[in-house]
Amino acid sequence: MAPTVVRDGEFTFVVHPREPPYEPPHVHVEFGDEEVRINLEDGTFLEAPPAGKRRALLRAFQRHIWEIRACWKRVRPR
């Protein structure tokens, strides 16, 4: 089961412990029936976000970046 890192409004940030080793460090963001991934190194989207969600997703991500990165390091040590 993937740990939920944080919830921010409609967004749930999740780090999956089992991902392919070639994937960059990233967080899954779930909201409604949608999901996108955000790269932890540069804040870019690995998939295009739905129209009208980009800014809100990035703001929520930026508010919790340190918690998310700490969880990644705990769950996915190299």
Foldseek 3Di string as FASTA:
>chain_A
DWDFQDDDVQWTWTDDLDDPPVDADWIWIDGDPDIWIAHLVPRDTPDDDPPPCVVVVSVVCVVCSVSSVVVCCVSHPD
